[in-house]
Amino acid sequence: MTTPQDLVEHALAASRSTNSIVIARVSTSANLRWANNTLTTNGVMHGGTFTVIAFHERRDGIATGSVTGSATTKDQVSALVESADSAAQIATPAEDAQPLTEGAAASGWAERPAETSIGVFADFAPQLGEVFQRAEAADRVHYGFVAHDVVTTYVGSTTGLRLRHSQPTGHFGATGKTADLASSAWVGGATRDFSDVSAHDLDDVLAQRLGWARRRVDLPAGRYDTILPPTAVADLAIYAYWEAGARVAHEGQSVFSRRGGGTRIGDRIADPRVHLFSDPSYAGLECEPHVVAASSSNTSSVFDNGIPLDRTDWIRGGELAALHQTRHSAAMTGQPVTPAIDNLVLSVDGGEGDVNDLVAGTERGLLLTCLWYIREVDPQNLLLTGLTRDGVYLIENGEVTGAVNNYRFNESPVELLNRFSHASATAPALSREWGEDYFSRTAMPALRVPDFNMSSVSQAQ
C-alpha cells in the first residue's frame, strides 16, 4: 500500500525545480445531525489534499509555483509535480524569497495517518436520545450538528524537512426552539475528542434560555450595559486576530498602523489587564507546532514552511507586542518573526467566575449569546457591524428577566478591549460565526461592556 510518506518522497524526487516542498494532508471526519428531536444523518468521510511547491532559481531571483489537488497514486502526484514545475518556470520572482528551512525526519514521521470514526460519539449519541424525550415532554424542539475531524499533515522538502502532525478538531452546536417556533436559543463549543461533552448539559442551557424567553420585552436601539459571553467575545477577537497582519499595518492600512508610518507594536492599545496570545501547546487547544503554508500572502510565506512555532504574545499587559510576521515582513518592519498560530487565548488579570457572576453584578443591562453576519465597516479602527442571534436577554437587579428583540451592532473589538468594566475567568469558547468552519481553538473570558452600541433594531428572528 502506498503511504502518504511514499507519495511525498516520490514528489520530491520527481521535481525538476531547484527545490521543492510537499504538503500532504489526510483526513477523516465523523458527524451526526438532528432536527425536530430526531437524528437525521450520520456518517464518516475520508479525504485529503496534496500540495507541491516548486522553487526555481534564476539570475533575477527565485520564482515559485504551487499546485494543490487530490492525489493517491504516484501518477497523480507526478502530474501535480509537473504542473508546479511549469508554474515556477514562468512565474515572476517571489518578493518574499528566503532560504528554505533545513531539517531532518522528526519523531513520528513514519507513523500512519490518525483517524476518527463514528465511535467518537459513543457516549454522546445515547444521551441525545434521552434529551429528545425530555424536550418533547416540555414542548421544545432540538436541532443540531456535531462533527469530529482528524487531519494528519506531512511536510517534506528537498532541504531535509520531514514533519508530521495529527490534528483532532471537534465542535458541537445545538439550537432549541419552543414548539411554536417563536423563541430560539443556541449553545455550542469545541472539543478534541467529545469525552468532555454532555448532551444533557447542552439541553440544560437551552431549557434555561427558552425559559427566560417566556417574557418578551421590546427595547429600542441605543447604548446598553452589555455582557458578552465567551462565545461572542470569540466572534469579535478572531476577526481582530485575522486583521493583525504586520505588512498591512506597516503600510498604514489597518487599526494596527501607527500614524506617520510603521506599526503600533509597543503602543498600549488595550486595558493594561489584557493579554492576548497564541500557544501551540496550550492545554486543550493544541495545534500545529510549525509553519505549514501552501501559498504566500500578506501573512504567510511558502519559504517559511517548517519554522517552529512557540507561544507568541500579541497583546501583553495592554501593549501591542506582535503582529503576524513572515521573515519577509519582519525584515520590512524590523520586528521578530512571529507567524500566525491556529489558536487564540484572551485573558484578563483579575478575571474570575463566569458569565453568571457578571449577570449577578449587573443592575440593568443586556446579555447576548452570540453574534453573526459580522462584517468590517472601517479597517482604520476595525469598526465591525453584525447582528445578534438566538437570544438577547434583559438583566434586572442581577437576574435575567426576559428576552429582548434582536439588534444590529456597531463596535470595534480593539475599542472593547479598552472599554470593558468586568471580566470573567478565561474558558474554552467556540465562535458561532467562525468556529465551525474556520477557527475553533479559542479560550475567552466573558466581558461586561458599558455603552455597547446597539445601532438599530433588527427584525431577524
Protein backbone atom coordinates (compact mmCIF):
# COMPACT_ATOMS: atom_id res chain seq x y z
CA MET A 1 0.00 0.00 0.00
CA THR A 2 1.31 3.44 -0.96
CA THR A 3 1.62 5.66 2.11
CA PRO A 4 1.50 9.47 2.28
CA GLN A 5 5.22 9.40 3.06
CA ASP A 6 5.84 7.40 -0.12
CA LEU A 7 3.96 9.99 -2.15
CA VAL A 8 5.90 12.85 -0.55
CA GLU A 9 9.24 11.19 -1.34
CA HIS A 10 8.12 10.44 -4.89
CA ALA A 11 7.15 14.08 -5.45
CA LEU A 12 10.46 15.41 -4.11
CA ALA A 13 12.41 13.02 -6.33
CA ALA A 14 10.32 13.79 -9.42
CA SER A 15 10.59 17.58 -9.32
CA ARG A 16 12.82 19.28 -11.91
CA SER A 17 12.98 22.52 -9.92
CA THR A 18 15.87 23.76 -7.81
CA ASN A 19 13.99 22.90 -4.62
CA SER A 20 10.53 21.77 -3.66
CA ILE A 21 8.26 21.40 -0.66
CA VAL A 22 5.42 18.90 -0.47
CA ILE A 23 2.44 19.05 1.90
CA ALA A 24 0.17 16.01 2.18
CA ARG A 25 -2.98 16.20 4.28
CA VAL A 26 -5.01 13.08 5.06
CA SER A 27 -8.36 13.50 6.81
CA THR A 28 -11.30 11.59 8.24
CA SER A 29 -14.49 13.19 9.50
CA ALA A 30 -17.42 11.81 11.50
CA ASN A 31 -20.69 13.64 12.09
CA LEU A 32 -24.21 13.44 13.47
CA ARG A 33 -27.08 15.76 12.53
CA TRP A 34 -30.53 16.04 14.06
CA ALA A 35 -33.74 18.04 13.60
CA ASN A 36 -37.23 18.02 15.16
CA ASN A 37 -35.98 15.84 18.01
CA THR A 38 -34.87 13.12 15.59
CA LEU A 39 -31.44 12.01 14.42
CA THR A 40 -31.42 12.60 10.65
CA THR A 41 -27.97 11.74 9.31
CA ASN A 42 -24.64 10.33 10.39
CA GLY A 43 -21.55 9.21 8.57
CA VAL A 44 -17.80 9.10 8.12
CA MET A 45 -15.92 10.72 5.26
CA HIS A 46 -12.33 10.31 4.06
CA GLY A 47 -10.39 12.89 2.09
CA GLY A 48 -7.20 14.82 1.70
CA THR A 49 -5.16 17.21 -0.40
CA PHE A 50 -1.67 17.16 -1.88
CA THR A 51 0.32 20.34 -2.46
CA VAL A 52 3.54 20.67 -4.43
CA ILE A 53 5.51 23.93 -4.18
CA ALA A 54 8.32 24.29 -6.71
CA PHE A 55 11.18 26.81 -6.31
CA HIS A 56 13.03 27.79 -9.48
CA GLU A 57 16.27 29.75 -9.04
CA ARG A 58 17.37 32.10 -11.79
CA ARG A 59 19.52 35.21 -12.14
CA ASP A 60 16.82 37.68 -11.07
CA GLY A 61 15.59 35.73 -8.06
CA ILE A 62 13.55 32.70 -7.03
CA ALA A 63 10.19 32.01 -8.66
CA THR A 64 7.63 29.67 -7.14
CA GLY A 65 4.73 27.58 -8.35
CA SER A 66 2.21 26.00 -6.01
CA VAL A 67 -0.36 23.44 -7.11
CA THR A 68 -2.88 21.66 -4.87
CA GLY A 69 -5.07 18.74 -5.82
CA SER A 70 -6.21 15.28 -4.87
CA ALA A 71 -3.60 12.56 -5.31
CA THR A 72 -3.47 9.00 -4.02
CA THR A 73 -1.20 7.43 -6.63
CA LYS A 74 2.30 8.20 -7.86
CA ASP A 75 0.99 9.01 -11.32
CA GLN A 76 -1.39 11.60 -9.88
CA VAL A 77 1.43 13.05 -7.79
CA SER A 78 3.68 13.24 -10.86
CA ALA A 79 1.02 15.28 -12.65
CA LEU A 80 0.91 17.78 -9.76
CA VAL A 81 4.70 18.00 -9.72
CA GLU A 82 4.77 18.71 -13.44
CA SER A 83 2.18 21.46 -13.03
CA ALA A 84 4.08 23.07 -10.14
CA ASP A 85 7.40 22.93 -12.01
CA SER A 86 5.81 24.53 -15.07
CA ALA A 87 4.21 27.26 -12.98
CA ALA A 88 7.54 28.09 -11.35
CA GLN A 89 9.28 28.27 -14.72
CA ILE A 90 7.00 31.08 -15.96
CA ALA A 91 6.39 32.95 -12.68
CA THR A 92 7.98 36.26 -11.77
CA PRO A 93 10.50 36.22 -8.89
CA ALA A 94 8.91 36.00 -5.45
CA GLU A 95 9.34 39.12 -3.31
CA ASP A 96 9.19 37.03 -0.11
CA ALA A 97 12.13 34.79 -1.09
CA GLN A 98 14.14 33.47 1.85
CA PRO A 99 16.41 30.44 2.39
CA LEU A 100 14.30 27.33 2.89
CA THR A 101 14.22 25.79 6.35
CA GLU A 102 16.53 22.81 6.71
CA GLY A 103 15.86 19.77 8.84
CA ALA A 104 15.63 16.02 9.16
CA ALA A 105 12.99 13.39 9.83
CA ALA A 106 11.19 14.38 13.02
CA SER A 107 9.86 11.92 15.55
CA GLY A 108 6.70 10.28 14.25
CA TRP A 109 7.38 10.89 10.55
CA ALA A 110 6.94 7.19 9.74
CA GLU A 111 3.59 6.85 11.52
CA ARG A 112 0.36 6.25 9.62
CA PRO A 113 -2.34 8.95 9.48
CA ALA A 114 -4.54 9.12 12.57
CA GLU A 115 -8.26 8.55 12.07
CA THR A 116 -11.61 9.18 13.69
CA SER A 117 -14.82 7.14 13.50
CA ILE A 118 -18.48 7.30 14.46
CA GLY A 119 -17.40 5.69 17.72
CA VAL A 120 -16.19 9.10 18.93
CA PHE A 121 -19.87 9.80 19.72
CA ALA A 122 -20.37 6.55 21.70
CA ASP A 123 -21.28 8.41 24.89
CA PHE A 124 -22.88 11.47 23.33
CA ALA A 125 -25.35 9.73 20.98
CA PRO A 126 -27.30 7.78 23.67
CA GLN A 127 -27.58 10.96 25.74
CA LEU A 128 -29.01 12.70 22.70
CA GLY A 129 -31.89 10.22 22.57
CA GLU A 130 -32.70 10.97 26.21
CA VAL A 131 -32.57 14.70 25.51
CA PHE A 132 -35.07 14.33 22.65
CA GLN A 133 -37.54 12.66 25.01
CA ARG A 134 -37.11 15.37 27.62
CA ALA A 135 -37.52 18.13 25.03
CA GLU A 136 -40.72 16.64 23.61
CA ALA A 137 -42.21 16.39 27.10
CA ALA A 138 -41.51 20.09 27.60
CA ASP A 139 -42.80 21.20 24.16
CA ARG A 140 -39.32 22.03 22.94
CA VAL A 141 -37.67 21.11 19.64
CA HIS A 142 -33.97 20.34 19.12
CA TYR A 143 -31.81 20.92 16.05
CA GLY A 144 -28.07 20.40 15.91
CA PHE A 145 -24.85 19.08 14.44
CA VAL A 146 -21.69 17.54 15.87
CA ALA A 147 -18.53 16.83 13.91
CA HIS A 148 -15.12 15.38 14.62
CA ASP A 149 -12.22 15.66 12.18
CA VAL A 150 -8.70 14.31 12.33
CA VAL A 151 -6.22 15.74 9.82
CA THR A 152 -2.69 14.37 9.60
CA THR A 153 -0.25 16.64 7.78
CA TYR A 154 3.06 15.52 6.31
CA VAL A 155 5.61 18.13 5.18
CA GLY A 156 8.71 17.16 3.23
CA SER A 157 11.31 19.26 1.44
CA THR A 158 14.43 18.85 -0.65
CA THR A 159 16.27 20.62 2.20
CA GLY A 160 15.57 17.71 4.54
CA LEU A 161 12.34 18.62 6.33
CA ARG A 162 10.23 15.63 7.33
CA LEU A 163 7.43 16.77 9.64
CA ARG A 164 4.20 15.11 10.73
CA HIS A 165 1.34 16.49 12.81
CA SER A 166 -2.05 14.98 13.65
CA GLN A 167 -4.80 17.47 14.50
CA PRO A 168 -8.11 16.40 16.08
CA THR A 169 -10.86 19.01 15.84
CA GLY A 170 -14.37 18.62 17.21
CA HIS A 171 -17.27 21.01 17.57
CA PHE A 172 -20.91 20.87 18.57
CA GLY A 173 -23.81 23.24 18.12
CA ALA A 174 -27.42 22.83 19.22
CA THR A 175 -30.42 25.08 18.70
CA GLY A 176 -33.52 24.76 20.85
CA LYS A 177 -36.88 26.18 19.89
CA THR A 178 -40.27 26.36 21.51
CA ALA A 179 -42.86 24.14 19.82
CA ASP A 180 -44.47 27.19 18.18
CA LEU A 181 -41.00 28.26 16.90
CA ALA A 182 -41.50 31.70 18.47
CA SER A 183 -38.29 31.55 20.54
CA SER A 184 -34.87 30.05 19.90
CA ALA A 185 -31.61 29.59 21.77
CA TRP A 186 -28.19 28.26 20.78
CA VAL A 187 -25.30 26.65 22.60
CA GLY A 188 -22.05 25.36 21.14
CA GLY A 189 -18.47 24.54 21.89
CA ALA A 190 -15.26 22.87 20.75
CA THR A 191 -13.62 19.65 21.85
CA ARG A 192 -10.72 17.41 20.90
CA ASP A 193 -12.44 14.05 21.43
CA PHE A 194 -16.02 14.51 22.80
CA SER A 195 -15.09 12.92 26.12
CA ASP A 196 -15.90 16.25 27.80
CA VAL A 197 -19.24 16.92 26.03
CA SER A 198 -22.62 16.13 27.61
CA ALA A 199 -25.85 16.36 25.63
CA HIS A 200 -27.67 16.74 28.96
CA ASP A 201 -25.63 19.83 29.81
CA LEU A 202 -26.39 21.35 26.41
CA ASP A 203 -30.09 20.76 26.92
CA ASP A 204 -29.99 22.31 30.39
CA VAL A 205 -28.63 25.54 28.92
CA LEU A 206 -31.18 25.59 26.10
CA ALA A 207 -34.07 24.91 28.50
CA GLN A 208 -32.94 27.73 30.78
CA ARG A 209 -32.68 30.25 27.94
CA LEU A 210 -36.03 29.27 26.43
CA GLY A 211 -37.49 29.67 29.89
CA TRP A 212 -36.12 33.21 30.06
CA ALA A 213 -37.88 33.93 26.76
CA ARG A 214 -41.37 33.32 28.19
CA ARG A 215 -41.38 37.04 28.91
CA ARG A 216 -40.74 39.23 25.87
CA VAL A 217 -39.58 42.84 26.14
CA ASP A 218 -39.17 45.22 23.21
CA LEU A 219 -36.38 47.77 23.68
CA PRO A 220 -35.18 50.48 21.29
CA ALA A 221 -31.76 50.84 19.76
CA GLY A 222 -29.20 52.56 21.95
CA ARG A 223 -26.18 52.01 24.13
CA TYR A 224 -26.58 49.36 26.81
CA ASP A 225 -24.52 47.88 29.59
CA THR A 226 -23.95 44.55 27.82
CA ILE A 227 -22.47 41.21 28.81
CA LEU A 228 -20.71 39.31 26.03
CA PRO A 229 -20.25 35.62 26.90
CA PRO A 230 -17.01 33.90 25.80
CA THR A 231 -18.72 32.80 22.55
CA ALA A 232 -19.47 36.39 21.50
CA VAL A 233 -16.04 37.60 22.63
CA ALA A 234 -14.52 34.91 20.37
CA ASP A 235 -16.69 36.13 17.47
CA LEU A 236 -15.01 39.54 17.73
CA ALA A 237 -11.50 38.57 18.85
CA ILE A 238 -10.98 36.22 15.92
CA TYR A 239 -11.79 38.99 13.46
CA ALA A 240 -9.22 41.24 15.13
CA TYR A 241 -6.67 38.41 15.02
CA TRP A 242 -7.21 37.86 11.31
CA GLU A 243 -6.63 41.59 10.69
CA ALA A 244 -3.32 41.58 12.61
CA GLY A 245 -1.04 41.31 9.59
CA ALA A 246 2.25 43.16 10.05
CA ARG A 247 2.74 44.14 6.43
CA VAL A 248 -0.72 45.68 6.06
CA ALA A 249 -0.18 47.56 9.33
CA HIS A 250 3.28 48.72 8.23
CA GLU A 251 1.73 50.11 5.05
CA GLY A 252 -0.82 52.15 7.01
CA GLN A 253 -3.92 50.11 6.15
CA SER A 254 -5.17 48.79 9.50
CA VAL A 255 -6.07 49.59 13.08
CA PHE A 256 -2.57 48.40 13.99
CA SER A 257 -0.89 51.10 11.85
CA ARG A 258 0.93 53.96 13.57
CA ARG A 259 0.15 57.46 12.36
CA GLY A 260 3.15 58.77 10.48
CA GLY A 261 4.28 55.30 9.44
CA GLY A 262 5.05 51.85 10.76
CA THR A 263 3.12 49.64 13.13
CA ARG A 264 1.77 50.23 16.64
CA ILE A 265 3.93 47.48 18.15
CA GLY A 266 5.00 48.83 21.53
CA ASP A 267 1.92 51.06 21.91
CA ARG A 268 -0.77 50.49 24.52
CA ILE A 269 -3.93 49.55 22.62
CA ALA A 270 -5.99 47.83 25.36
CA ASP A 271 -6.69 47.86 29.07
CA PRO A 272 -3.44 47.06 30.96
CA ARG A 273 -5.09 43.92 32.35
CA VAL A 274 -5.46 42.39 28.87
CA HIS A 275 -3.29 39.61 27.45
CA LEU A 276 -3.90 38.06 24.03
CA PHE A 277 -1.66 35.22 22.92
CA SER A 278 -1.35 32.01 20.91
CA ASP A 279 0.45 28.88 22.05
CA PRO A 280 0.60 25.60 20.08
CA SER A 281 0.92 23.67 23.36
CA TYR A 282 -1.94 25.39 25.25
CA ALA A 283 -3.84 22.61 27.06
CA GLY A 284 -6.99 21.64 25.18
CA LEU A 285 -6.19 23.90 22.22
CA GLU A 286 -3.04 22.16 20.95
CA CYS A 287 -2.31 22.86 17.30
CA GLU A 288 0.37 22.62 14.59
CA PRO A 289 3.77 23.48 16.14
CA HIS A 290 5.41 24.58 12.89
CA VAL A 291 4.53 26.73 9.88
CA VAL A 292 2.62 24.99 7.10
CA ALA A 293 1.91 27.31 4.15
CA ALA A 294 0.60 26.12 0.79
CA SER A 295 0.77 29.65 -0.68
CA SER A 296 2.15 33.08 0.10
CA SER A 297 0.10 36.06 1.21
CA ASN A 298 0.48 39.17 3.35
CA THR A 299 0.56 36.95 6.45
CA SER A 300 2.17 33.72 5.23
CA SER A 301 5.08 32.62 3.07
CA VAL A 302 5.83 29.30 1.39
CA PHE A 303 9.51 29.96 2.15
CA ASP A 304 8.72 29.76 5.89
CA ASN A 305 7.44 26.18 5.87
CA GLY A 306 8.82 24.25 8.81
CA ILE A 307 9.69 27.22 11.05
CA PRO A 308 8.96 26.14 14.66
CA LEU A 309 6.12 27.89 16.47
CA ASP A 310 6.04 28.75 20.15
CA ARG A 311 3.92 30.91 22.41
CA THR A 312 3.51 34.39 20.94
CA ASP A 313 2.08 37.32 22.90
CA TRP A 314 0.07 39.56 20.58
CA ILE A 315 -1.08 41.91 23.37
CA ARG A 316 0.86 41.87 26.64
CA GLY A 317 -0.36 44.00 29.54
CA GLY A 318 -2.47 46.05 27.13
CA GLU A 319 0.51 46.73 24.84
CA LEU A 320 0.64 45.53 21.25
CA ALA A 321 3.54 43.09 21.38
CA ALA A 322 3.50 41.41 17.96
CA LEU A 323 1.69 41.07 14.65
CA HIS A 324 1.64 38.23 12.12
CA GLN A 325 5.14 38.33 10.66
CA THR A 326 6.72 36.27 7.92
CA ARG A 327 10.50 36.50 7.58
CA HIS A 328 9.87 38.87 4.67
CA SER A 329 7.60 41.26 6.60
CA ALA A 330 9.84 41.05 9.68
CA ALA A 331 12.70 42.41 7.58
CA MET A 332 10.45 45.28 6.48
CA THR A 333 9.27 46.18 9.99
CA GLY A 334 12.42 45.39 11.97
CA GLN A 335 10.48 43.07 14.27
CA PRO A 336 10.93 39.38 15.21
CA VAL A 337 9.43 36.64 13.05
CA THR A 338 6.04 35.81 14.59
CA PRO A 339 3.92 33.67 12.24
CA ALA A 340 0.20 33.19 12.79
CA ILE A 341 -0.77 30.25 15.03
CA ASP A 342 -4.00 28.24 14.88
CA ASN A 343 -5.32 29.08 18.36
CA LEU A 344 -6.09 32.23 20.34
CA VAL A 345 -6.38 32.92 24.08
CA LEU A 346 -7.60 36.11 25.75
CA SER A 347 -7.08 36.56 29.48
CA VAL A 348 -7.70 39.47 31.85
CA ASP A 349 -5.77 39.92 35.08
CA GLY A 350 -8.20 39.54 37.98
CA GLY A 351 -10.90 37.92 35.86
CA GLU A 352 -12.82 35.36 37.88
CA GLY A 353 -16.06 33.42 37.90
CA ASP A 354 -18.16 33.02 34.77
CA VAL A 355 -20.88 34.78 32.83
CA ASN A 356 -23.42 34.09 35.60
CA ASP A 357 -21.27 36.06 38.04
CA LEU A 358 -21.21 39.02 35.67
CA VAL A 359 -25.00 38.84 35.36
CA ALA A 360 -25.36 38.77 39.16
CA GLY A 361 -23.36 42.01 39.41
CA THR A 362 -25.35 43.92 36.79
CA GLU A 363 -28.21 46.20 37.86
CA ARG A 364 -29.71 46.61 34.40
CA GLY A 365 -28.33 45.55 31.05
CA LEU A 366 -28.36 43.01 28.25
CA LEU A 367 -26.92 39.51 27.95
CA LEU A 368 -26.04 38.36 24.43
CA THR A 369 -25.43 34.76 23.43
CA CYS A 370 -23.77 35.04 20.04
CA LEU A 371 -23.26 37.30 17.03
CA TRP A 372 -23.47 36.61 13.33
CA TYR A 373 -23.06 38.13 9.86
CA ILE A 374 -20.10 40.14 11.12
CA ARG A 375 -18.59 42.48 8.54
CA GLU A 376 -15.93 45.19 8.57
CA VAL A 377 -17.05 48.83 8.23
CA ASP A 378 -13.77 50.71 8.71
CA PRO A 379 -10.34 49.00 8.77
CA GLN A 380 -8.64 52.05 10.28
CA ASN A 381 -10.34 51.48 13.64
CA LEU A 382 -11.61 47.96 12.94
CA LEU A 383 -15.23 49.02 13.28
CA LEU A 384 -17.41 45.95 12.78
CA THR A 385 -21.13 45.56 12.26
CA GLY A 386 -23.30 42.50 12.65
CA LEU A 387 -26.44 41.07 14.20
CA THR A 388 -27.35 39.42 17.46
CA ARG A 389 -28.74 35.92 17.18
CA ASP A 390 -30.66 33.27 19.15
CA GLY A 391 -31.08 35.15 22.36
CA VAL A 392 -30.70 38.66 23.73
CA TYR A 393 -31.86 38.82 27.34
CA LEU A 394 -32.77 41.59 29.77
CA ILE A 395 -30.93 41.72 33.10
CA GLU A 396 -32.61 43.45 36.02
CA ASN A 397 -31.18 43.55 39.55
CA GLY A 398 -28.73 40.76 38.85
CA GLU A 399 -31.20 38.35 37.24
CA VAL A 400 -32.30 37.57 33.69
CA THR A 401 -35.95 38.57 33.48
CA GLY A 402 -36.88 38.16 29.82
CA ALA A 403 -35.90 38.06 26.17
CA VAL A 404 -35.33 41.20 24.11
CA ASN A 405 -35.58 41.82 20.36
CA ASN A 406 -32.51 41.41 18.16
CA TYR A 407 -30.21 44.27 17.18
CA ARG A 408 -27.62 45.36 14.67
CA PHE A 409 -24.46 46.41 16.49
CA ASN A 410 -21.50 48.63 15.56
CA GLU A 411 -18.38 48.16 17.65
CA SER A 412 -14.61 47.71 17.37
CA PRO A 413 -13.09 44.74 19.22
CA VAL A 414 -9.95 46.80 19.85
CA GLU A 415 -12.02 49.56 21.43
CA LEU A 416 -13.94 47.00 23.53
CA LEU A 417 -10.67 45.72 25.00
CA ASN A 418 -10.11 49.25 26.25
CA ARG A 419 -13.65 49.90 27.49
CA PHE A 420 -14.90 46.78 29.29
CA SER A 421 -15.54 47.11 33.01
CA HIS A 422 -15.59 43.49 34.23
CA ALA A 423 -14.22 40.15 33.02
CA SER A 424 -14.72 36.52 33.98
CA ALA A 425 -12.08 33.82 34.04
CA THR A 426 -10.90 32.51 30.66
CA ALA A 427 -12.59 29.33 29.41
CA PRO A 428 -12.70 27.39 26.10
CA ALA A 429 -15.20 29.01 23.72
CA LEU A 430 -16.46 28.35 20.20
CA SER A 431 -17.18 31.34 17.99
CA ARG A 432 -20.67 30.95 16.47
CA GLU A 433 -19.65 32.94 13.41
CA TRP A 434 -16.22 31.48 12.67
CA GLY A 435 -15.64 28.44 14.87
CA GLU A 436 -17.32 25.64 12.98
CA ASP A 437 -15.61 26.22 9.64
CA TYR A 438 -12.52 28.35 10.18
CA PHE A 439 -11.13 28.83 13.68
CA SER A 440 -12.33 26.62 16.53
CA ARG A 441 -9.47 26.71 19.05
CA THR A 442 -10.16 29.72 21.27
CA ALA A 443 -10.37 30.42 25.00
CA MET A 444 -12.02 33.65 26.12
CA PRO A 445 -13.47 35.40 29.16
CA ALA A 446 -16.94 36.89 29.32
CA LEU A 447 -16.79 40.70 29.22
CA ARG A 448 -19.16 43.33 30.57
CA VAL A 449 -19.05 46.39 28.31
CA PRO A 450 -20.69 49.70 29.24
CA ASP A 451 -22.45 51.55 26.42
CA PHE A 452 -22.28 48.72 23.87
CA ASN A 453 -23.69 50.23 20.67
CA MET A 454 -26.91 48.57 19.53
CA SER A 455 -27.22 50.81 16.49
CA SER A 456 -30.64 49.64 15.27
CA VAL A 457 -33.36 47.12 16.00
CA SER A 458 -33.20 44.03 13.78
CA GLN A 459 -36.23 42.15 12.57
CA ALA A 460 -34.20 38.93 12.38
CA GLN A 461 -35.72 36.07 14.35
